[in-house]
């Protein structure tokens, strides 16, 4: 019984450590915080589909479709030494894409909390 409890405690500790370490270089930003970084020199990636991007997007954004077969190759071409700022519609796709950004070597990832829906709801403008 003691071994079983020790195993469970060890398993939980390792699981928590792994979850924490995989997201240590990711920071979620509110729309206000996200907006304060925006300029033409940042790497801003909209991971929505091209159709969504064409409808509207945040100024300075580059569209790299998370659902495309070429997503990993496309983000691998970005500068991994510079921070990357990512967003999608609601935060789901950008949240899932974090693993891919880490996989190709990004050191610092900033994600827009709640995606472009939250951005618009806070009154920030998009480009149509």
Protein backbone atom coordinates (compact mmCIF):
# COMPACT_ATOMS: atom_id res chain seq x y z
CA UNK A 1 0.00 0.00 0.00
CA UNK A 2 2.85 2.39 0.84
CA UNK A 3 4.47 1.67 -2.52
CA UNK A 4 1.20 2.32 -4.30
CA UNK A 5 0.76 5.69 -2.55
CA UNK A 6 4.37 6.59 -3.25
CA UNK A 7 3.84 5.70 -6.92
CA UNK A 8 0.69 7.85 -7.10
CA UNK A 9 2.45 10.82 -5.47
CA UNK A 10 5.41 10.46 -7.82
CA UNK A 11 3.12 10.18 -10.86
CA UNK A 12 1.19 13.32 -9.88
CA UNK A 13 4.40 15.25 -9.24
CA UNK A 14 5.90 14.29 -12.59
CA UNK A 15 2.63 15.09 -14.39
CA UNK A 16 2.41 18.53 -12.82
CA UNK A 17 6.05 19.25 -13.55
CA UNK A 18 5.68 18.24 -17.20
CA UNK A 19 2.59 20.41 -17.71
CA UNK A 20 4.26 23.37 -16.09
CA UNK A 21 7.55 23.04 -17.93
CA UNK A 22 5.93 22.77 -21.37
CA UNK A 23 4.24 26.15 -20.95
CA UNK A 24 6.98 28.02 -19.11
CA UNK A 25 7.80 30.19 -22.13
CA UNK A 26 4.16 31.06 -22.89
CA UNK A 27 2.46 34.17 -21.54
CA UNK A 28 -1.22 34.90 -22.01
CA UNK A 29 -1.92 38.58 -22.46
CA UNK A 30 -5.14 40.54 -22.13
CA UNK A 31 -6.12 42.59 -25.19
CA UNK A 32 -4.78 45.73 -23.48
CA UNK A 33 -1.41 44.08 -22.74
CA UNK A 34 -1.27 42.53 -26.22
CA UNK A 35 -2.00 45.87 -27.87
CA UNK A 36 0.88 47.55 -26.04
CA UNK A 37 3.37 45.36 -27.96
CA UNK A 38 1.93 45.96 -31.42
CA UNK A 39 4.18 47.53 -34.03
CA UNK A 40 5.57 46.54 -37.42
CA UNK A 41 8.70 44.99 -35.87
CA UNK A 42 7.01 42.18 -33.95
CA UNK A 43 6.20 38.69 -35.18
CA UNK A 44 2.41 38.65 -34.98
CA UNK A 45 0.81 35.44 -36.23
CA UNK A 46 -2.89 34.93 -36.83
CA UNK A 47 -3.39 31.15 -36.86
CA UNK A 48 -6.94 31.27 -38.26
CA UNK A 49 -7.91 30.21 -41.76
CA UNK A 50 -7.18 32.56 -44.70
CA UNK A 51 -10.92 33.20 -45.08
CA UNK A 52 -11.17 34.35 -41.44
CA UNK A 53 -8.00 36.43 -41.82
CA UNK A 54 -9.31 38.13 -44.98
CA UNK A 55 -12.53 39.09 -43.18
CA UNK A 56 -10.55 40.99 -40.55
CA UNK A 57 -7.32 40.76 -38.59
CA UNK A 58 -5.12 42.70 -36.19
CA UNK A 59 -2.77 45.21 -37.78
CA UNK A 60 0.72 43.84 -38.58
CA UNK A 61 -0.47 40.21 -38.45
CA UNK A 62 0.80 37.47 -40.73
CA UNK A 63 -1.60 34.63 -41.47
CA UNK A 64 -0.29 31.10 -40.91
CA UNK A 65 -3.20 28.67 -40.92
CA UNK A 66 -3.00 26.25 -37.97
CA UNK A 67 -5.19 23.78 -39.87
CA UNK A 68 -2.91 23.63 -42.92
CA UNK A 69 -0.64 20.67 -43.60
CA UNK A 70 2.30 23.09 -43.89
CA UNK A 71 1.84 24.81 -40.51
CA UNK A 72 5.05 23.51 -38.88
CA UNK A 73 7.18 24.36 -41.93
CA UNK A 74 5.66 27.83 -42.12
CA UNK A 75 6.28 28.76 -38.49
CA UNK A 76 9.76 27.22 -38.66
CA UNK A 77 10.72 30.00 -41.11
CA UNK A 78 10.09 32.69 -38.49
CA UNK A 79 12.88 34.09 -36.29
CA UNK A 80 12.98 31.90 -33.17
CA UNK A 81 15.19 34.37 -31.31
CA UNK A 82 12.44 37.01 -31.40
CA UNK A 83 9.24 36.67 -29.38
CA UNK A 84 6.17 35.55 -31.29
CA UNK A 85 2.67 36.89 -30.62
CA UNK A 86 -0.17 34.58 -31.63
CA UNK A 87 -3.95 34.69 -31.74
CA UNK A 88 -6.94 32.99 -33.31
CA UNK A 89 -10.70 33.41 -33.06
CA UNK A 90 -11.29 32.46 -29.41
CA UNK A 91 -8.00 31.11 -28.09
CA UNK A 92 -8.46 27.41 -28.81
CA UNK A 93 -6.34 27.10 -31.95
CA UNK A 94 -3.66 29.47 -30.67
CA UNK A 95 -3.56 27.46 -27.43
CA UNK A 96 -3.11 24.24 -29.39
CA UNK A 97 -0.50 25.83 -31.65
CA UNK A 98 1.75 26.69 -28.70
CA UNK A 99 3.13 23.12 -28.72
CA UNK A 100 4.14 23.52 -32.36
CA UNK A 101 5.82 26.88 -31.74
CA UNK A 102 7.77 25.29 -28.89
CA UNK A 103 8.60 22.27 -31.04
CA UNK A 104 10.31 24.41 -33.68
CA UNK A 105 12.30 26.29 -31.02
CA UNK A 106 10.53 29.49 -29.99
CA UNK A 107 11.83 30.76 -26.66
CA UNK A 108 9.13 33.33 -25.88
CA UNK A 109 5.49 33.02 -26.94
CA UNK A 110 2.75 35.52 -26.17
CA UNK A 111 -0.85 34.46 -26.71
CA UNK A 112 -3.88 36.77 -26.92
CA UNK A 113 -6.27 35.67 -24.21
CA UNK A 114 -9.70 34.93 -25.70
CA UNK A 115 -8.54 35.52 -29.26
CA UNK A 116 -9.82 38.13 -31.66
CA UNK A 117 -13.33 37.81 -30.19
CA UNK A 118 -12.02 39.13 -26.88
CA UNK A 119 -9.95 41.75 -28.72
CA UNK A 120 -13.06 43.12 -30.46
CA UNK A 121 -15.19 42.92 -27.30
CA UNK A 122 -12.65 45.17 -25.54
CA UNK A 123 -13.08 47.76 -28.30
CA UNK A 124 -9.81 47.24 -30.16
CA UNK A 125 -9.85 47.70 -33.93
CA UNK A 126 -9.13 45.25 -36.69
CA UNK A 127 -8.25 45.71 -40.35
CA UNK A 128 -10.80 44.50 -42.87
